[in-house]
Amino acid sequence: MTHATQKLLDEFDTLPDEDRAEFLTELLRRTVLAPHNLPQDDDLVASADRLFVELDRHEQS
């Protein structure tokens, strides 16, 4: 994660709940409207694999 991204997340964490909700609403609206490619099947499988590995690790701890 870049320093700039971490700084944004840190600032987000300090926002009051109402401002945080407003920010998330706007961020999601922009994300939905932004042009993007659909993930390929291989990308989805790789993401699922990482998720299941993390879940297994969490269950074992």
PDB file of N, CA and C in Angstrom:
ATOM      1  N   MET A   1       0.852  -1.166   0.000  1.00  0.00           N
ATOM      2  CA  MET A   1       0.000   0.000   0.000  1.00  0.00           C
ATOM      3  C   MET A   1       0.904   1.237   0.000  1.00  0.00           C
ATOM      4  N   THR A   2       0.547   2.200  -0.802  1.00  0.00           N
ATOM      5  CA  THR A   2       1.362   3.404  -0.874  1.00  0.00           C
ATOM      6  C   THR A   2       1.148   4.285   0.356  1.00  0.00           C
ATOM      7  N   HIS A   3       2.097   5.176   0.568  1.00  0.00           N
ATOM      8  CA  HIS A   3       2.000   6.115   1.686  1.00  0.00           C
ATOM      9  C   HIS A   3       0.746   6.988   1.537  1.00  0.00           C
ATOM     10  N   ALA A   4       0.469   7.429   0.312  1.00  0.00           N
ATOM     11  CA  ALA A   4      -0.697   8.286   0.067  1.00  0.00           C
ATOM     12  C   ALA A   4      -1.997   7.546   0.394  1.00  0.00           C
ATOM     13  N   THR A   5      -2.074   6.283   0.003  1.00  0.00           N
ATOM     14  CA  THR A   5      -3.268   5.492   0.292  1.00  0.00           C
ATOM     15  C   THR A   5      -3.441   5.294   1.788  1.00  0.00           C
ATOM     16  N   GLN A   6      -2.353   4.982   2.474  1.00  0.00           N
ATOM     17  CA  GLN A   6      -2.419   4.804   3.924  1.00  0.00           C
ATOM     18  C   GLN A   6      -2.845   6.088   4.619  1.00  0.00           C
ATOM     19  N   LYS A   7      -2.351   7.220   4.113  1.00  0.00           N
ATOM     20  CA  LYS A   7      -2.729   8.514   4.690  1.00  0.00           C
ATOM     21  C   LYS A   7      -4.226   8.763   4.520  1.00  0.00           C
ATOM     22  N   LEU A   8      -4.755   8.457   3.344  1.00  0.00           N
ATOM     23  CA  LEU A   8      -6.195   8.616   3.116  1.00  0.00           C
ATOM     24  C   LEU A   8      -7.001   7.729   4.067  1.00  0.00           C
ATOM     25  N   LEU A   9      -6.571   6.497   4.237  1.00  0.00           N
ATOM     26  CA  LEU A   9      -7.278   5.592   5.140  1.00  0.00           C
ATOM     27  C   LEU A   9      -7.210   6.079   6.585  1.00  0.00           C
ATOM     28  N   ASP A  10      -6.067   6.577   6.991  1.00  0.00           N
ATOM     29  CA  ASP A  10      -5.929   7.113   8.346  1.00  0.00           C
ATOM     30  C   ASP A  10      -6.856   8.308   8.562  1.00  0.00           C
ATOM     31  N   GLU A  11      -6.917   9.184   7.569  1.00  0.00           N
ATOM     32  CA  GLU A  11      -7.822  10.337   7.656  1.00  0.00           C
ATOM     33  C   GLU A  11      -9.279   9.883   7.692  1.00  0.00           C
ATOM     34  N   PHE A  12      -9.608   8.896   6.883  1.00  0.00           N
ATOM     35  CA  PHE A  12     -10.970   8.362   6.860  1.00  0.00           C
ATOM     36  C   PHE A  12     -11.367   7.850   8.241  1.00  0.00           C
ATOM     37  N   ASP A  13     -10.443   7.165   8.904  1.00  0.00           N
ATOM     38  CA  ASP A  13     -10.729   6.602  10.225  1.00  0.00           C
ATOM     39  C   ASP A  13     -11.030   7.675  11.264  1.00  0.00           C
ATOM     40  N   THR A  14     -10.565   8.890  11.045  1.00  0.00           N
ATOM     41  CA  THR A  14     -10.796   9.959  12.017  1.00  0.00           C
ATOM     42  C   THR A  14     -12.099  10.713  11.776  1.00  0.00           C
ATOM     43  N   LEU A  15     -12.765  10.445  10.663  1.00  0.00           N
ATOM     44  CA  LEU A  15     -13.999  11.163  10.351  1.00  0.00           C
ATOM     45  C   LEU A  15     -15.134  10.752  11.292  1.00  0.00           C
ATOM     46  N   PRO A  16     -16.040  11.681  11.570  1.00  0.00           N
ATOM     47  CA  PRO A  16     -17.258  11.313  12.296  1.00  0.00           C
ATOM     48  C   PRO A  16     -18.095  10.347  11.434  1.00  0.00           C
ATOM     49  N   ASP A  17     -18.935   9.572  12.071  1.00  0.00           N
ATOM     50  CA  ASP A  17     -19.720   8.549  11.363  1.00  0.00           C
ATOM     51  C   ASP A  17     -20.501   9.118  10.184  1.00  0.00           C
ATOM     52  N   GLU A  18     -21.121  10.274  10.349  1.00  0.00           N
ATOM     53  CA  GLU A  18     -21.922  10.858   9.267  1.00  0.00           C
ATOM     54  C   GLU A  18     -21.052  11.204   8.063  1.00  0.00           C
ATOM     55  N   ASP A  19     -19.890  11.801   8.304  1.00  0.00           N
ATOM     56  CA  ASP A  19     -18.973  12.141   7.214  1.00  0.00           C
ATOM     57  C   ASP A  19     -18.419  10.885   6.549  1.00  0.00           C
ATOM     58  N   ARG A  20     -18.145   9.873   7.350  1.00  0.00           N
ATOM     59  CA  ARG A  20     -17.632   8.609   6.807  1.00  0.00           C
ATOM     60  C   ARG A  20     -18.664   7.984   5.880  1.00  0.00           C
ATOM     61  N   ALA A  21     -19.916   7.985   6.286  1.00  0.00           N
ATOM     62  CA  ALA A  21     -20.988   7.429   5.454  1.00  0.00           C
ATOM     63  C   ALA A  21     -21.134   8.222   4.157  1.00  0.00           C
ATOM     64  N   GLU A  22     -21.067   9.548   4.267  1.00  0.00           N
ATOM     65  CA  GLU A  22     -21.168  10.390   3.073  1.00  0.00           C
ATOM     66  C   GLU A  22     -20.012  10.124   2.107  1.00  0.00           C
ATOM     67  N   PHE A  23     -18.814   9.994   2.655  1.00  0.00           N
ATOM     68  CA  PHE A  23     -17.641   9.708   1.835  1.00  0.00           C
ATOM     69  C   PHE A  23     -17.784   8.364   1.129  1.00  0.00           C
ATOM     70  N   LEU A  24     -18.199   7.338   1.875  1.00  0.00           N
ATOM     71  CA  LEU A  24     -18.361   6.012   1.281  1.00  0.00           C
ATOM     72  C   LEU A  24     -19.417   6.012   0.177  1.00  0.00           C
ATOM     73  N   THR A  25     -20.503   6.722   0.411  1.00  0.00           N
ATOM     74  CA  THR A  25     -21.555   6.806  -0.601  1.00  0.00           C
ATOM     75  C   THR A  25     -21.014   7.396  -1.891  1.00  0.00           C
ATOM     76  N   GLU A  26     -20.261   8.477  -1.777  1.00  0.00           N
ATOM     77  CA  GLU A  26     -19.700   9.118  -2.965  1.00  0.00           C
ATOM     78  C   GLU A  26     -18.648   8.236  -3.630  1.00  0.00           C
ATOM     79  N   LEU A  27     -17.816   7.592  -2.841  1.00  0.00           N
ATOM     80  CA  LEU A  27     -16.789   6.710  -3.395  1.00  0.00           C
ATOM     81  C   LEU A  27     -17.419   5.538  -4.147  1.00  0.00           C
ATOM     82  N   LEU A  28     -18.441   4.946  -3.566  1.00  0.00           N
ATOM     83  CA  LEU A  28     -19.125   3.837  -4.244  1.00  0.00           C
ATOM     84  C   LEU A  28     -19.837   4.306  -5.511  1.00  0.00           C
ATOM     85  N   ARG A  29     -20.455   5.506  -5.466  1.00  0.00           N
ATOM     86  CA  ARG A  29     -21.117   6.038  -6.663  1.00  0.00           C
ATOM     87  C   ARG A  29     -20.102   6.205  -7.784  1.00  0.00           C
ATOM     88  N   ARG A  30     -18.941   6.752  -7.464  1.00  0.00           N
ATOM     89  CA  ARG A  30     -17.907   6.949  -8.483  1.00  0.00           C
ATOM     90  C   ARG A  30     -17.375   5.616  -8.998  1.00  0.00           C
ATOM     91  N   THR A  31     -17.257   4.647  -8.115  1.00  0.00           N
ATOM     92  CA  THR A  31     -16.759   3.332  -8.516  1.00  0.00           C
ATOM     93  C   THR A  31     -17.719   2.670  -9.491  1.00  0.00           C
ATOM     94  N   VAL A  32     -18.994   2.756  -9.201  1.00  0.00           N
ATOM     95  CA  VAL A  32     -19.999   2.142 -10.076  1.00  0.00           C
ATOM     96  C   VAL A  32     -19.999   2.803 -11.448  1.00  0.00           C
ATOM     97  N   LEU A  33     -19.832   4.104 -11.478  1.00  0.00           N
ATOM     98  CA  LEU A  33     -19.904   4.835 -12.745  1.00  0.00           C
ATOM     99  C   LEU A  33     -18.600   4.816 -13.533  1.00  0.00           C
ATOM    100  N   ALA A  34     -17.509   4.443 -12.913  1.00  0.00           N
ATOM    101  CA  ALA A  34     -16.213   4.443 -13.590  1.00  0.00           C
ATOM    102  C   ALA A  34     -16.129   3.284 -14.591  1.00  0.00           C
ATOM    103  N   PRO A  35     -15.468   3.515 -15.701  1.00  0.00           N
ATOM    104  CA  PRO A  35     -15.286   2.409 -16.653  1.00  0.00           C
ATOM    105  C   PRO A  35     -14.336   1.368 -16.067  1.00  0.00           C
ATOM    106  N   HIS A  36     -14.682   0.128 -16.240  1.00  0.00           N
ATOM    107  CA  HIS A  36     -13.823  -0.957 -15.761  1.00  0.00           C
ATOM    108  C   HIS A  36     -14.136  -2.231 -16.518  1.00  0.00           C
ATOM    109  N   ASN A  37     -13.161  -3.125 -16.521  1.00  0.00           N
ATOM    110  CA  ASN A  37     -13.328  -4.413 -17.174  1.00  0.00           C
ATOM    111  C   ASN A  37     -13.828  -5.428 -16.157  1.00  0.00           C
ATOM    112  N   LEU A  38     -14.615  -6.358 -16.614  1.00  0.00           N
ATOM    113  CA  LEU A  38     -15.053  -7.430 -15.736  1.00  0.00           C
ATOM    114  C   LEU A  38     -13.885  -8.374 -15.486  1.00  0.00           C
ATOM    115  N   PRO A  39     -13.810  -8.945 -14.290  1.00  0.00           N
ATOM    116  CA  PRO A  39     -12.698  -9.860 -14.007  1.00  0.00           C
ATOM    117  C   PRO A  39     -12.813 -11.126 -14.855  1.00  0.00           C
ATOM    118  N   GLN A  40     -11.661 -11.670 -15.186  1.00  0.00           N
ATOM    119  CA  GLN A  40     -11.610 -12.934 -15.913  1.00  0.00           C
ATOM    120  C   GLN A  40     -11.812 -14.083 -14.923  1.00  0.00           C
ATOM    121  N   ASP A  41     -12.215 -15.236 -15.430  1.00  0.00           N
ATOM    122  CA  ASP A  41     -12.445 -16.393 -14.562  1.00  0.00           C
ATOM    123  C   ASP A  41     -11.204 -16.738 -13.742  1.00  0.00           C
ATOM    124  N   ASP A  42     -10.038 -16.679 -14.364  1.00  0.00           N
ATOM    125  CA  ASP A  42      -8.799 -16.989 -13.641  1.00  0.00           C
ATOM    126  C   ASP A  42      -8.572 -16.032 -12.477  1.00  0.00           C
ATOM    127  N   ASP A  43      -8.909 -14.757 -12.673  1.00  0.00           N
ATOM    128  CA  ASP A  43      -8.764 -13.772 -11.604  1.00  0.00           C
ATOM    129  C   ASP A  43      -9.707 -14.075 -10.443  1.00  0.00           C
ATOM    130  N   LEU A  44     -10.938 -14.473 -10.768  1.00  0.00           N
ATOM    131  CA  LEU A  44     -11.909 -14.808  -9.725  1.00  0.00           C
ATOM    132  C   LEU A  44     -11.479 -16.046  -8.949  1.00  0.00           C
ATOM    133  N   VAL A  45     -10.964 -17.041  -9.644  1.00  0.00           N
ATOM    134  CA  VAL A  45     -10.502 -18.263  -8.980  1.00  0.00           C
ATOM    135  C   VAL A  45      -9.317 -17.957  -8.071  1.00  0.00           C
ATOM    136  N   ALA A  46      -8.388 -17.135  -8.543  1.00  0.00           N
ATOM    137  CA  ALA A  46      -7.225 -16.773  -7.729  1.00  0.00           C
ATOM    138  C   ALA A  46      -7.655 -16.000  -6.483  1.00  0.00           C
ATOM    139  N   SER A  47      -8.615 -15.111  -6.625  1.00  0.00           N
ATOM    140  CA  SER A  47      -9.118 -14.361  -5.470  1.00  0.00           C
ATOM    141  C   SER A  47      -9.803 -15.282  -4.478  1.00  0.00           C
ATOM    142  N   ALA A  48     -10.585 -16.218  -4.970  1.00  0.00           N
ATOM    143  CA  ALA A  48     -11.254 -17.177  -4.090  1.00  0.00           C
ATOM    144  C   ALA A  48     -10.231 -18.036  -3.360  1.00  0.00           C
ATOM    145  N   ASP A  49      -9.194 -18.457  -4.068  1.00  0.00           N
ATOM    146  CA  ASP A  49      -8.137 -19.253  -3.431  1.00  0.00           C
ATOM    147  C   ASP A  49      -7.486 -18.478  -2.288  1.00  0.00           C
ATOM    148  N   ARG A  50      -7.159 -17.214  -2.529  1.00  0.00           N
ATOM    149  CA  ARG A  50      -6.539 -16.397  -1.472  1.00  0.00           C
ATOM    150  C   ARG A  50      -7.479 -16.234  -0.288  1.00  0.00           C
ATOM    151  N   LEU A  51      -8.752 -16.040  -0.563  1.00  0.00           N
ATOM    152  CA  LEU A  51      -9.732 -15.891   0.503  1.00  0.00           C
ATOM    153  C   LEU A  51      -9.827 -17.153   1.351  1.00  0.00           C
ATOM    154  N   PHE A  52      -9.898 -18.317   0.716  1.00  0.00           N
ATOM    155  CA  PHE A  52     -10.015 -19.566   1.461  1.00  0.00           C
ATOM    156  C   PHE A  52      -8.753 -19.873   2.261  1.00  0.00           C
ATOM    157  N   VAL A  53      -7.591 -19.537   1.723  1.00  0.00           N
ATOM    158  CA  VAL A  53      -6.344 -19.718   2.474  1.00  0.00           C
ATOM    159  C   VAL A  53      -6.382 -18.846   3.728  1.00  0.00           C
ATOM    160  N   GLU A  54      -6.811 -17.611   3.571  1.00  0.00           N
ATOM    161  CA  GLU A  54      -6.888 -16.695   4.717  1.00  0.00           C
ATOM    162  C   GLU A  54      -7.923 -17.187   5.742  1.00  0.00           C
ATOM    163  N   LEU A  55      -9.048 -17.677   5.286  1.00  0.00           N
ATOM    164  CA  LEU A  55     -10.061 -18.217   6.203  1.00  0.00           C
ATOM    165  C   LEU A  55      -9.528 -19.435   6.949  1.00  0.00           C
ATOM    166  N   ASP A  56      -8.843 -20.316   6.251  1.00  0.00           N
ATOM    167  CA  ASP A  56      -8.242 -21.482   6.904  1.00  0.00           C
ATOM    168  C   ASP A  56      -7.230 -21.053   7.955  1.00  0.00           C
ATOM    169  N   ARG A  57      -6.399 -20.074   7.620  1.00  0.00           N
ATOM    170  CA  ARG A  57      -5.390 -19.586   8.558  1.00  0.00           C
ATOM    171  C   ARG A  57      -6.062 -18.998   9.803  1.00  0.00           C
ATOM    172  N   HIS A  58      -7.155 -18.265   9.586  1.00  0.00           N
ATOM    173  CA  HIS A  58      -7.878 -17.657  10.696  1.00  0.00           C
ATOM    174  C   HIS A  58      -8.517 -18.718  11.586  1.00  0.00           C
ATOM    175  N   GLU A  59      -9.072 -19.763  11.000  1.00  0.00           N
ATOM    176  CA  GLU A  59      -9.695 -20.832  11.772  1.00  0.00           C
ATOM    177  C   GLU A  59      -8.675 -21.610  12.590  1.00  0.00           C
ATOM    178  N   GLN A  60      -7.447 -21.720  12.107  1.00  0.00           N
ATOM    179  CA  GLN A  60      -6.427 -22.484  12.807  1.00  0.00           C
ATOM    180  C   GLN A  60      -5.779 -21.701  13.939  1.00  0.00           C
ATOM    181  N   SER A  61      -5.961 -20.396  13.958  1.00  0.00           N
ATOM    182  CA  SER A  61      -5.326 -19.603  15.014  1.00  0.00           C
ATOM    183  C   SER A  61      -6.214 -19.445  16.228  1.00  0.00           C
TER     184      SER A  61
END
